[in-house]
C-alpha atoms as a PDB file:
ATOM      1  CA  UNK A   1      22.517 -22.300   4.920  1.00  0.00           C
ATOM      2  CA  UNK A   2      21.824 -22.223   1.190  1.00  0.00           C
ATOM      3  CA  UNK A   3      20.163 -18.894   0.377  1.00  0.00           C
ATOM      4  CA  UNK A   4      18.452 -20.210  -2.734  1.00  0.00           C
ATOM      5  CA  UNK A   5      16.828 -23.105  -0.855  1.00  0.00           C
ATOM      6  CA  UNK A   6      15.782 -20.692   1.869  1.00  0.00           C
ATOM      7  CA  UNK A   7      14.196 -18.371  -0.678  1.00  0.00           C
ATOM      8  CA  UNK A   8      12.214 -21.215  -2.250  1.00  0.00           C
ATOM      9  CA  UNK A   9      11.055 -22.366   1.184  1.00  0.00           C
ATOM     10  CA  UNK A  10       9.932 -18.875   2.227  1.00  0.00           C
ATOM     11  CA  UNK A  11       8.031 -18.390  -1.027  1.00  0.00           C
ATOM     12  CA  UNK A  12       6.330 -21.772  -0.638  1.00  0.00           C
ATOM     13  CA  UNK A  13       5.203 -20.894   2.879  1.00  0.00           C
ATOM     14  CA  UNK A  14       4.087 -17.415   1.847  1.00  0.00           C
ATOM     15  CA  UNK A  15       1.888 -18.815  -0.917  1.00  0.00           C
ATOM     16  CA  UNK A  16       0.949 -22.007   0.983  1.00  0.00           C
ATOM     17  CA  UNK A  17       1.516 -23.982  -2.200  1.00  0.00           C
ATOM     18  CA  UNK A  18       4.378 -25.700  -4.019  1.00  0.00           C
ATOM     19  CA  UNK A  19       2.527 -25.130  -7.289  1.00  0.00           C
ATOM     20  CA  UNK A  20       2.046 -21.395  -6.782  1.00  0.00           C
ATOM     21  CA  UNK A  21       5.623 -20.982  -5.548  1.00  0.00           C
ATOM     22  CA  UNK A  22       6.890 -22.738  -8.670  1.00  0.00           C
ATOM     23  CA  UNK A  23       4.832 -20.402 -10.858  1.00  0.00           C
ATOM     24  CA  UNK A  24       6.006 -17.306  -8.975  1.00  0.00           C
ATOM     25  CA  UNK A  25       9.662 -18.371  -9.211  1.00  0.00           C
ATOM     26  CA  UNK A  26       9.365 -19.672 -12.794  1.00  0.00           C
ATOM     27  CA  UNK A  27      10.560 -23.134 -11.794  1.00  0.00           C
ATOM     28  CA  UNK A  28       9.123 -26.634 -11.827  1.00  0.00           C
ATOM     29  CA  UNK A  29       7.273 -27.927  -8.803  1.00  0.00           C
ATOM     30  CA  UNK A  30       9.716 -30.818  -8.509  1.00  0.00           C
ATOM     31  CA  UNK A  31      12.616 -28.347  -8.278  1.00  0.00           C
ATOM     32  CA  UNK A  32      10.903 -26.465  -5.455  1.00  0.00           C
ATOM     33  CA  UNK A  33      10.149 -29.701  -3.582  1.00  0.00           C
ATOM     34  CA  UNK A  34      13.731 -30.898  -4.005  1.00  0.00           C
ATOM     35  CA  UNK A  35      15.221 -27.646  -2.695  1.00  0.00           C
ATOM     36  CA  UNK A  36      12.888 -27.618   0.319  1.00  0.00           C
ATOM     37  CA  UNK A  37      13.905 -31.203   1.130  1.00  0.00           C
ATOM     38  CA  UNK A  38      17.571 -30.172   0.859  1.00  0.00           C
ATOM     39  CA  UNK A  39      16.903 -27.371   3.339  1.00  0.00           C
ATOM     40  CA  UNK A  40      15.232 -29.840   5.698  1.00  0.00           C
ATOM     41  CA  UNK A  41      18.280 -32.117   5.406  1.00  0.00           C
ATOM     42  CA  UNK A  42      20.585 -29.182   6.126  1.00  0.00           C
ATOM     43  CA  UNK A  43      18.551 -28.115   9.162  1.00  0.00           C
ATOM     44  CA  UNK A  44      18.149 -31.689  10.306  1.00  0.00           C
ATOM     45  CA  UNK A  45      14.420 -31.406  10.931  1.00  0.00           C
ATOM     46  CA  UNK A  46      11.114 -31.446   9.082  1.00  0.00           C
ATOM     47  CA  UNK A  47       9.944 -27.951   8.202  1.00  0.00           C
ATOM     48  CA  UNK A  48       6.618 -28.581   6.485  1.00  0.00           C
ATOM     49  CA  UNK A  49       3.760 -30.970   7.099  1.00  0.00           C
ATOM     50  CA  UNK A  50       2.274 -32.030   3.767  1.00  0.00           C
ATOM     51  CA  UNK A  51      -1.356 -33.138   4.009  1.00  0.00           C
ATOM     52  CA  UNK A  52      -2.613 -33.495   0.460  1.00  0.00           C
ATOM     53  CA  UNK A  53      -2.604 -29.986  -0.956  1.00  0.00           C
ATOM     54  CA  UNK A  54      -2.475 -28.393   2.473  1.00  0.00           C
ATOM     55  CA  UNK A  55       0.840 -27.215   3.933  1.00  0.00           C
ATOM     56  CA  UNK A  56       1.516 -26.297   7.548  1.00  0.00           C
ATOM     57  CA  UNK A  57       4.680 -25.333   9.403  1.00  0.00           C
ATOM     58  CA  UNK A  58       6.303 -27.425  12.079  1.00  0.00           C
ATOM     59  CA  UNK A  59       7.713 -25.602  15.110  1.00  0.00           C
ATOM     60  CA  UNK A  60      11.166 -25.704  13.511  1.00  0.00           C
ATOM     61  CA  UNK A  61       9.679 -24.604  10.201  1.00  0.00           C
ATOM     62  CA  UNK A  62       8.105 -21.587  11.844  1.00  0.00           C
ATOM     63  CA  UNK A  63      11.472 -20.496  13.262  1.00  0.00           C
ATOM     64  CA  UNK A  64      13.232 -21.000   9.921  1.00  0.00           C
ATOM     65  CA  UNK A  65      10.484 -19.078   8.106  1.00  0.00           C
ATOM     66  CA  UNK A  66      10.600 -16.102  10.478  1.00  0.00           C
ATOM     67  CA  UNK A  67      14.383 -15.803  10.443  1.00  0.00           C
ATOM     68  CA  UNK A  68      14.518 -16.679   6.758  1.00  0.00           C
ATOM     69  CA  UNK A  69      12.452 -13.625   5.883  1.00  0.00           C
ATOM     70  CA  UNK A  70      14.921 -11.421   7.774  1.00  0.00           C
ATOM     71  CA  UNK A  71      17.922 -13.092   6.124  1.00  0.00           C
ATOM     72  CA  UNK A  72      16.495 -12.664   2.628  1.00  0.00           C
ATOM     73  CA  UNK A  73      15.640  -9.025   3.333  1.00  0.00           C
ATOM     74  CA  UNK A  74      19.220  -8.467   4.532  1.00  0.00           C
ATOM     75  CA  UNK A  75      20.592 -10.065   1.364  1.00  0.00           C
ATOM     76  CA  UNK A  76      18.424  -7.811  -0.795  1.00  0.00           C
ATOM     77  CA  UNK A  77      19.616  -4.808   1.203  1.00  0.00           C
ATOM     78  CA  UNK A  78      23.249  -5.860   0.786  1.00  0.00           C
ATOM     79  CA  UNK A  79      22.808  -6.264  -2.956  1.00  0.00           C
ATOM     80  CA  UNK A  80      21.122  -2.873  -3.168  1.00  0.00           C
ATOM     81  CA  UNK A  81      23.913  -1.051  -1.353  1.00  0.00           C
ATOM     82  CA  UNK A  82      26.656  -2.747  -3.390  1.00  0.00           C
ATOM     83  CA  UNK A  83      24.932  -1.877  -6.659  1.00  0.00           C
ATOM     84  CA  UNK A  84      24.360   1.661  -5.467  1.00  0.00           C
ATOM     85  CA  UNK A  85      28.053   2.281  -4.831  1.00  0.00           C
ATOM     86  CA  UNK A  86      28.939   0.806  -8.227  1.00  0.00           C
ATOM     87  CA  UNK A  87      26.479   2.912 -10.214  1.00  0.00           C
ATOM     88  CA  UNK A  88      26.048   6.285  -8.582  1.00  0.00           C
ATOM     89  CA  UNK A  89      24.433   7.849 -11.635  1.00  0.00           C
ATOM     90  CA  UNK A  90      22.383   4.882 -12.799  1.00  0.00           C
ATOM     91  CA  UNK A  91      20.016   2.434 -11.234  1.00  0.00           C
ATOM     92  CA  UNK A  92      16.448   1.276 -11.049  1.00  0.00           C
ATOM     93  CA  UNK A  93      13.597   1.876  -8.649  1.00  0.00           C
ATOM     94  CA  UNK A  94      10.243   0.213  -8.099  1.00  0.00           C
ATOM     95  CA  UNK A  95       7.711   2.317  -6.201  1.00  0.00           C
ATOM     96  CA  UNK A  96       4.562   0.730  -4.805  1.00  0.00           C
ATOM     97  CA  UNK A  97       1.534   2.925  -5.512  1.00  0.00           C
ATOM     98  CA  UNK A  98      -2.123   2.203  -4.629  1.00  0.00           C
ATOM     99  CA  UNK A  99      -4.524   2.930  -7.523  1.00  0.00           C
ATOM    100  CA  UNK A 100      -6.335   5.677  -5.594  1.00  0.00           C
ATOM    101  CA  UNK A 101      -3.057   7.543  -5.072  1.00  0.00           C
ATOM    102  CA  UNK A 102      -1.627   7.319  -8.590  1.00  0.00           C
ATOM    103  CA  UNK A 103      -3.746  10.289  -9.698  1.00  0.00           C
ATOM    104  CA  UNK A 104      -1.353  12.527  -7.731  1.00  0.00           C
ATOM    105  CA  UNK A 105       1.842  11.387  -9.395  1.00  0.00           C
ATOM    106  CA  UNK A 106       1.596  12.081 -13.126  1.00  0.00           C
ATOM    107  CA  UNK A 107       3.515  15.398 -12.792  1.00  0.00           C
ATOM    108  CA  UNK A 108       6.054  13.683 -10.519  1.00  0.00           C
ATOM    109  CA  UNK A 109       6.688  10.964 -13.113  1.00  0.00           C
ATOM    110  CA  UNK A 110       7.235  13.556 -15.825  1.00  0.00           C
ATOM    111  CA  UNK A 111       9.662  15.579 -13.688  1.00  0.00           C
ATOM    112  CA  UNK A 112      11.536  12.482 -12.504  1.00  0.00           C
ATOM    113  CA  UNK A 113      11.980  11.189 -16.050  1.00  0.00           C
ATOM    114  CA  UNK A 114      13.258  14.580 -17.229  1.00  0.00           C
ATOM    115  CA  UNK A 115      15.765  14.910 -14.383  1.00  0.00           C
ATOM    116  CA  UNK A 116      16.877  11.279 -14.065  1.00  0.00           C
ATOM    117  CA  UNK A 117      16.534   9.593 -17.478  1.00  0.00           C
ATOM    118  CA  UNK A 118      19.261   7.118 -16.474  1.00  0.00           C
ATOM    119  CA  UNK A 119      17.136   5.645 -13.653  1.00  0.00           C
ATOM    120  CA  UNK A 120      14.679   2.974 -14.738  1.00  0.00           C
ATOM    121  CA  UNK A 121      11.452   3.650 -12.840  1.00  0.00           C
ATOM    122  CA  UNK A 122       8.719   1.052 -12.402  1.00  0.00           C
ATOM    123  CA  UNK A 123       5.413   1.539 -10.628  1.00  0.00           C
ATOM    124  CA  UNK A 124       3.864  -1.441  -8.874  1.00  0.00           C
ATOM    125  CA  UNK A 125       0.133  -0.984  -8.314  1.00  0.00           C
ATOM    126  CA  UNK A 126      -1.346  -2.788  -5.322  1.00  0.00           C
ATOM    127  CA  UNK A 127      -3.494  -2.084  -2.294  1.00  0.00           C
ATOM    128  CA  UNK A 128      -2.010   0.067   0.448  1.00  0.00           C
ATOM    129  CA  UNK A 129      -2.005  -2.904   2.839  1.00  0.00           C
ATOM    130  CA  UNK A 130      -0.094  -5.098   0.380  1.00  0.00           C
ATOM    131  CA  UNK A 131       2.421  -2.342  -0.318  1.00  0.00           C
ATOM    132  CA  UNK A 132       3.007  -1.898   3.417  1.00  0.00           C
ATOM    133  CA  UNK A 133       3.582  -5.647   3.775  1.00  0.00           C
ATOM    134  CA  UNK A 134       5.977  -5.770   0.810  1.00  0.00           C
ATOM    135  CA  UNK A 135       7.985  -2.800   2.088  1.00  0.00           C
ATOM    136  CA  UNK A 136       8.184  -4.304   5.579  1.00  0.00           C
ATOM    137  CA  UNK A 137       9.331  -7.629   4.084  1.00  0.00           C
ATOM    138  CA  UNK A 138      12.009  -5.943   1.972  1.00  0.00           C
ATOM    139  CA  UNK A 139      10.296  -6.858  -1.304  1.00  0.00           C
ATOM    140  CA  UNK A 140       9.896  -3.155  -2.109  1.00  0.00           C
ATOM    141  CA  UNK A 141      12.361  -0.442  -1.137  1.00  0.00           C
ATOM    142  CA  UNK A 142       9.785   2.328  -1.008  1.00  0.00           C
ATOM    143  CA  UNK A 143       6.055   2.677  -1.424  1.00  0.00           C
ATOM    144  CA  UNK A 144       3.058   4.931  -0.994  1.00  0.00           C
ATOM    145  CA  UNK A 145       0.171   4.425   1.389  1.00  0.00           C
ATOM    146  CA  UNK A 146      -2.547   6.295   3.224  1.00  0.00           C
ATOM    147  CA  UNK A 147      -1.889   6.843   6.912  1.00  0.00           C
ATOM    148  CA  UNK A 148      -2.195   5.357   9.402  1.00  0.00           C
ATOM    149  CA  UNK A 149      -0.072   2.426   8.265  1.00  0.00           C
ATOM    150  CA  UNK A 150      -0.363  -0.968   9.930  1.00  0.00           C
ATOM    151  CA  UNK A 151       1.040  -0.314  13.441  1.00  0.00           C
ATOM    152  CA  UNK A 152       2.633  -3.759  13.817  1.00  0.00           C
ATOM    153  CA  UNK A 153       4.966  -3.218  10.849  1.00  0.00           C
ATOM    154  CA  UNK A 154       8.393  -1.633  11.334  1.00  0.00           C
ATOM    155  CA  UNK A 155       7.991   1.241   8.884  1.00  0.00           C
ATOM    156  CA  UNK A 156       9.060   4.857   8.615  1.00  0.00           C
ATOM    157  CA  UNK A 157       6.777   7.392   6.943  1.00  0.00           C
ATOM    158  CA  UNK A 158       7.294  10.735   5.236  1.00  0.00           C
ATOM    159  CA  UNK A 159       4.041  12.672   4.647  1.00  0.00           C
ATOM    160  CA  UNK A 160       3.370  13.723   1.069  1.00  0.00           C
ATOM    161  CA  UNK A 161       0.011  15.474   1.190  1.00  0.00           C
ATOM    162  CA  UNK A 162      -3.190  15.786   3.197  1.00  0.00           C
ATOM    163  CA  UNK A 163      -6.624  16.303   1.663  1.00  0.00           C
ATOM    164  CA  UNK A 164     -10.137  16.754   3.083  1.00  0.00           C
ATOM    165  CA  UNK A 165     -12.918  14.213   2.552  1.00  0.00           C
ATOM    166  CA  UNK A 166     -15.978  15.110   0.498  1.00  0.00           C
ATOM    167  CA  UNK A 167     -19.487  13.650   0.420  1.00  0.00           C
ATOM    168  CA  UNK A 168     -20.956  12.937  -3.020  1.00  0.00           C
ATOM    169  CA  UNK A 169     -24.613  12.270  -3.773  1.00  0.00           C
ATOM    170  CA  UNK A 170     -27.269  12.669  -6.435  1.00  0.00           C
ATOM    171  CA  UNK A 171     -28.422  16.281  -6.899  1.00  0.00           C
ATOM    172  CA  UNK A 172     -30.967  17.377  -4.308  1.00  0.00           C
ATOM    173  CA  UNK A 173     -29.568  15.275  -1.461  1.00  0.00           C
ATOM    174  CA  UNK A 174     -27.995  18.221   0.362  1.00  0.00           C
ATOM    175  CA  UNK A 175     -29.502  21.617   1.149  1.00  0.00           C
ATOM    176  CA  UNK A 176     -29.301  24.132  -1.669  1.00  0.00           C
ATOM    177  CA  UNK A 177     -26.150  26.260  -1.813  1.00  0.00           C
ATOM    178  CA  UNK A 178     -24.508  24.127   0.872  1.00  0.00           C
ATOM    179  CA  UNK A 179     -20.729  23.630   0.525  1.00  0.00           C
ATOM    180  CA  UNK A 180     -19.971  21.763   3.766  1.00  0.00           C
ATOM    181  CA  UNK A 181     -21.625  19.016   5.816  1.00  0.00           C
ATOM    182  CA  UNK A 182     -21.086  18.285   9.531  1.00  0.00           C
ATOM    183  CA  UNK A 183     -19.794  14.760  10.072  1.00  0.00           C
ATOM    184  CA  UNK A 184     -22.680  13.866  12.417  1.00  0.00           C
ATOM    185  CA  UNK A 185     -25.154  14.540   9.592  1.00  0.00           C
ATOM    186  CA  UNK A 186     -23.901  11.331   7.972  1.00  0.00           C
ATOM    187  CA  UNK A 187     -25.768   9.373  10.650  1.00  0.00           C
ATOM    188  CA  UNK A 188     -29.034  10.130   8.821  1.00  0.00           C
ATOM    189  CA  UNK A 189     -27.790   9.170   5.355  1.00  0.00           C
ATOM    190  CA  UNK A 190     -27.152   5.823   3.621  1.00  0.00           C
ATOM    191  CA  UNK A 191     -23.454   5.559   2.754  1.00  0.00           C
ATOM    192  CA  UNK A 192     -21.442   3.826   0.038  1.00  0.00           C
ATOM    193  CA  UNK A 193     -17.859   3.308   1.188  1.00  0.00           C
ATOM    194  CA  UNK A 194     -14.606   1.812   0.053  1.00  0.00           C
ATOM    195  CA  UNK A 195     -13.912  -1.674   1.398  1.00  0.00           C
ATOM    196  CA  UNK A 196     -12.573  -2.040   4.931  1.00  0.00           C
ATOM    197  CA  UNK A 197      -9.021  -2.797   3.762  1.00  0.00           C
ATOM    198  CA  UNK A 198      -8.723   0.857   2.688  1.00  0.00           C
ATOM    199  CA  UNK A 199      -7.184   3.156   5.300  1.00  0.00           C
ATOM    200  CA  UNK A 200      -9.843   5.783   4.581  1.00  0.00           C
ATOM    201  CA  UNK A 201     -12.656   3.424   5.598  1.00  0.00           C
ATOM    202  CA  UNK A 202     -10.797   2.305   8.715  1.00  0.00           C
ATOM    203  CA  UNK A 203     -10.360   5.966   9.661  1.00  0.00           C
ATOM    204  CA  UNK A 204     -14.031   6.706   8.973  1.00  0.00           C
ATOM    205  CA  UNK A 205     -15.132   3.807  11.177  1.00  0.00           C
ATOM    206  CA  UNK A 206     -13.062   5.244  14.030  1.00  0.00           C
ATOM    207  CA  UNK A 207     -14.754   8.614  13.550  1.00  0.00           C
ATOM    208  CA  UNK A 208     -18.201   6.985  13.444  1.00  0.00           C
ATOM    209  CA  UNK A 209     -17.485   5.334  16.795  1.00  0.00           C
ATOM    210  CA  UNK A 210     -16.152   8.567  18.296  1.00  0.00           C
ATOM    211  CA  UNK A 211     -19.245  10.428  17.091  1.00  0.00           C
ATOM    212  CA  UNK A 212     -21.444   7.805  18.746  1.00  0.00           C
ATOM    213  CA  UNK A 213     -23.402   6.418  15.795  1.00  0.00           C
ATOM    214  CA  UNK A 214     -23.480   3.309  13.621  1.00  0.00           C
ATOM    215  CA  UNK A 215     -23.376   4.224   9.914  1.00  0.00           C
ATOM    216  CA  UNK A 216     -26.039   3.063   7.471  1.00  0.00           C
ATOM    217  CA  UNK A 217     -23.764   1.353   4.943  1.00  0.00           C
ATOM    218  CA  UNK A 218     -25.681   0.601   1.751  1.00  0.00           C
ATOM    219  CA  UNK A 219     -22.723  -0.859  -0.167  1.00  0.00           C
ATOM    220  CA  UNK A 220     -18.933  -1.110  -0.264  1.00  0.00           C
ATOM    221  CA  UNK A 221     -16.544  -1.430  -3.203  1.00  0.00           C
ATOM    222  CA  UNK A 222     -12.835  -1.375  -3.947  1.00  0.00           C
ATOM    223  CA  UNK A 223     -13.413   0.887  -6.979  1.00  0.00           C
ATOM    224  CA  UNK A 224     -13.915   4.588  -6.325  1.00  0.00           C
ATOM    225  CA  UNK A 225     -15.534   5.207  -9.719  1.00  0.00           C
ATOM    226  CA  UNK A 226     -18.192   2.597  -8.918  1.00  0.00           C
ATOM    227  CA  UNK A 227     -18.901   4.397  -5.642  1.00  0.00           C
ATOM    228  CA  UNK A 228     -19.438   7.579  -7.647  1.00  0.00           C
ATOM    229  CA  UNK A 229     -21.840   5.747  -9.975  1.00  0.00           C
ATOM    230  CA  UNK A 230     -23.757   4.377  -6.972  1.00  0.00           C
ATOM    231  CA  UNK A 231     -23.944   7.853  -5.453  1.00  0.00           C
ATOM    232  CA  UNK A 232     -25.179   9.321  -8.744  1.00  0.00           C
ATOM    233  CA  UNK A 233     -27.902   6.658  -8.926  1.00  0.00           C
ATOM    234  CA  UNK A 234     -29.201   7.587  -5.465  1.00  0.00           C
ATOM    235  CA  UNK A 235     -28.059   4.433  -3.679  1.00  0.00           C
ATOM    236  CA  UNK A 236     -26.166   6.385  -1.040  1.00  0.00           C
ATOM    237  CA  UNK A 237     -23.634   9.079  -0.201  1.00  0.00           C
ATOM    238  CA  UNK A 238     -20.034   8.344  -1.228  1.00  0.00           C
ATOM    239  CA  UNK A 239     -17.147   9.597   0.921  1.00  0.00           C
ATOM    240  CA  UNK A 240     -14.000  10.240  -1.107  1.00  0.00           C
ATOM    241  CA  UNK A 241     -10.810  12.347  -0.874  1.00  0.00           C
ATOM    242  CA  UNK A 242     -10.580  15.708  -2.596  1.00  0.00           C
ATOM    243  CA  UNK A 243      -8.188  14.728  -5.453  1.00  0.00           C
ATOM    244  CA  UNK A 244     -10.810  12.348  -6.834  1.00  0.00           C
ATOM    245  CA  UNK A 245     -13.464  15.061  -6.756  1.00  0.00           C
ATOM    246  CA  UNK A 246     -11.544  17.010  -9.393  1.00  0.00           C
ATOM    247  CA  UNK A 247     -11.890  14.054 -11.787  1.00  0.00           C
ATOM    248  CA  UNK A 248     -15.687  14.064 -11.772  1.00  0.00           C
ATOM    249  CA  UNK A 249     -16.343  16.436 -14.662  1.00  0.00           C
ATOM    250  CA  UNK A 250     -19.585  15.377 -16.316  1.00  0.00           C
ATOM    251  CA  UNK A 251     -20.765  13.227 -13.401  1.00  0.00           C
ATOM    252  CA  UNK A 252     -24.308  13.983 -12.223  1.00  0.00           C
ATOM    253  CA  UNK A 253     -23.481  14.389  -8.550  1.00  0.00           C
ATOM    254  CA  UNK A 254     -23.191  17.185  -6.038  1.00  0.00           C
ATOM    255  CA  UNK A 255     -20.353  17.376  -3.528  1.00  0.00           C
ATOM    256  CA  UNK A 256     -19.921  18.967  -0.102  1.00  0.00           C
ATOM    257  CA  UNK A 257     -16.861  18.969   2.138  1.00  0.00           C
ATOM    258  CA  UNK A 258     -17.046  17.096   5.447  1.00  0.00           C
ATOM    259  CA  UNK A 259     -16.404  19.307   8.499  1.00  0.00           C
ATOM    260  CA  UNK A 260     -16.775  19.222  12.295  1.00  0.00           C
ATOM    261  CA  UNK A 261     -14.390  17.478  12.273  1.00  0.00           C
ATOM    262  CA  UNK A 262     -12.604  17.776   8.963  1.00  0.00           C
ATOM    263  CA  UNK A 263     -11.232  14.313   8.198  1.00  0.00           C
ATOM    264  CA  UNK A 264      -7.848  14.130   6.498  1.00  0.00           C
ATOM    265  CA  UNK A 265      -6.773  11.709   3.774  1.00  0.00           C
ATOM    266  CA  UNK A 266      -3.026  11.587   4.487  1.00  0.00           C
ATOM    267  CA  UNK A 267      -0.755  10.243   1.776  1.00  0.00           C
ATOM    268  CA  UNK A 268       2.796   9.241   2.726  1.00  0.00           C
ATOM    269  CA  UNK A 269       5.924   7.479   1.527  1.00  0.00           C
ATOM    270  CA  UNK A 270       6.937   4.460   3.579  1.00  0.00           C
ATOM    271  CA  UNK A 271      10.160   2.451   3.863  1.00  0.00           C
ATOM    272  CA  UNK A 272      11.926   0.254   6.382  1.00  0.00           C
ATOM    273  CA  UNK A 273      14.136   2.961   7.846  1.00  0.00           C
ATOM    274  CA  UNK A 274      17.362   1.472   6.531  1.00  0.00           C
ATOM    275  CA  UNK A 275      19.697   2.632   3.780  1.00  0.00           C
ATOM    276  CA  UNK A 276      17.908   4.286   0.845  1.00  0.00           C
ATOM    277  CA  UNK A 277      19.407   3.938  -2.627  1.00  0.00           C
ATOM    278  CA  UNK A 278      20.330   7.031  -4.601  1.00  0.00           C
ATOM    279  CA  UNK A 279      17.353   6.283  -6.880  1.00  0.00           C
ATOM    280  CA  UNK A 280      14.936   6.287  -3.917  1.00  0.00           C
ATOM    281  CA  UNK A 281      16.446   9.497  -2.559  1.00  0.00           C
ATOM    282  CA  UNK A 282      16.131  11.086  -6.000  1.00  0.00           C
ATOM    283  CA  UNK A 283      12.455  10.073  -6.122  1.00  0.00           C
ATOM    284  CA  UNK A 284      11.783  11.656  -2.723  1.00  0.00           C
ATOM    285  CA  UNK A 285      13.520  14.868  -3.772  1.00  0.00           C
ATOM    286  CA  UNK A 286      11.456  15.188  -6.958  1.00  0.00           C
ATOM    287  CA  UNK A 287       8.237  14.442  -5.061  1.00  0.00           C
ATOM    288  CA  UNK A 288       9.133  17.116  -2.535  1.00  0.00           C
ATOM    289  CA  UNK A 289       9.705  19.734  -5.216  1.00  0.00           C
ATOM    290  CA  UNK A 290       6.708  18.900  -7.413  1.00  0.00           C
ATOM    291  CA  UNK A 291       4.166  18.315  -4.635  1.00  0.00           C
ATOM    292  CA  UNK A 292       5.539  20.966  -2.289  1.00  0.00           C
ATOM    293  CA  UNK A 293       6.255  18.641   0.636  1.00  0.00           C
ATOM    294  CA  UNK A 294       9.023  19.037   3.203  1.00  0.00           C
ATOM    295  CA  UNK A 295      10.655  15.643   2.854  1.00  0.00           C
ATOM    296  CA  UNK A 296      13.138  16.044   0.018  1.00  0.00           C
ATOM    297  CA  UNK A 297      15.716  15.975   2.783  1.00  0.00           C
ATOM    298  CA  UNK A 298      14.082  12.768   3.994  1.00  0.00           C
ATOM    299  CA  UNK A 299      12.501  14.063   7.146  1.00  0.00           C
ATOM    300  CA  UNK A 300      11.261  10.968   8.935  1.00  0.00           C
ATOM    301  CA  UNK A 301       8.796   9.777  11.487  1.00  0.00           C
ATOM    302  CA  UNK A 302       7.760   6.352  12.631  1.00  0.00           C
ATOM    303  CA  UNK A 303       4.632   5.069  10.943  1.00  0.00           C
ATOM    304  CA  UNK A 304       3.604   3.252  14.113  1.00  0.00           C
END
């Protein structure tokens, strides 16, 4: 089976569009269509049903797509291992990092660059869910996310850090001199939360259910700084992890730590549990030393 045709087919299915696949692969749409037809000829069956601009998989197409993803991931892994043995002191690494986590890694980047100037490092910013999907699909070797990761994905995690959650609000919302707030007290307050695709919000919703109350959600956003602005304006109480609290100098808000229970924002590295390149291992080692974690020796646990 022609790997190139398979790659074009998988990308077309993933994007549900010949046009978008052509743009992503920097090819013409006619080239993509031709290669998909060649794959259909090779398989001896129709793979896609074309209904105007809508694409859907046939039964055979679904099988080819599922196995095709695994084959392409295996090819990327093979290429990675071959390159790694040929360039033990050089290489490149792309690390997936959600925007809310990148605040932690400035000192890591500086230390990594100083120790491994020969390794080209690239950071890919995306949501935690997208990074998990890309790592599971073999599109990224390693990434960062907030636990728990999607349980249906075959991922391995290595914890990096754990931070408490704080409540932020306009001055006067909480009792004077208070430094902590019981979780159940949130039942009486309007809340402004991150969107549901964020692991923190999914974790909070589980805690709301366990505590036996339905939260009063005034608004949700994918931007933490907007949540802070909403909290400062009196719209509601924002719930954010501790590292972001330290970036609020000058903001007109007051903050108290959530307790009873104390909810953890757990940051972790994730990968597929296969071979890790020397560049990825070097990244983990530097993270371990700079952030004080225990996983420079790549201590592992299943993310499921």
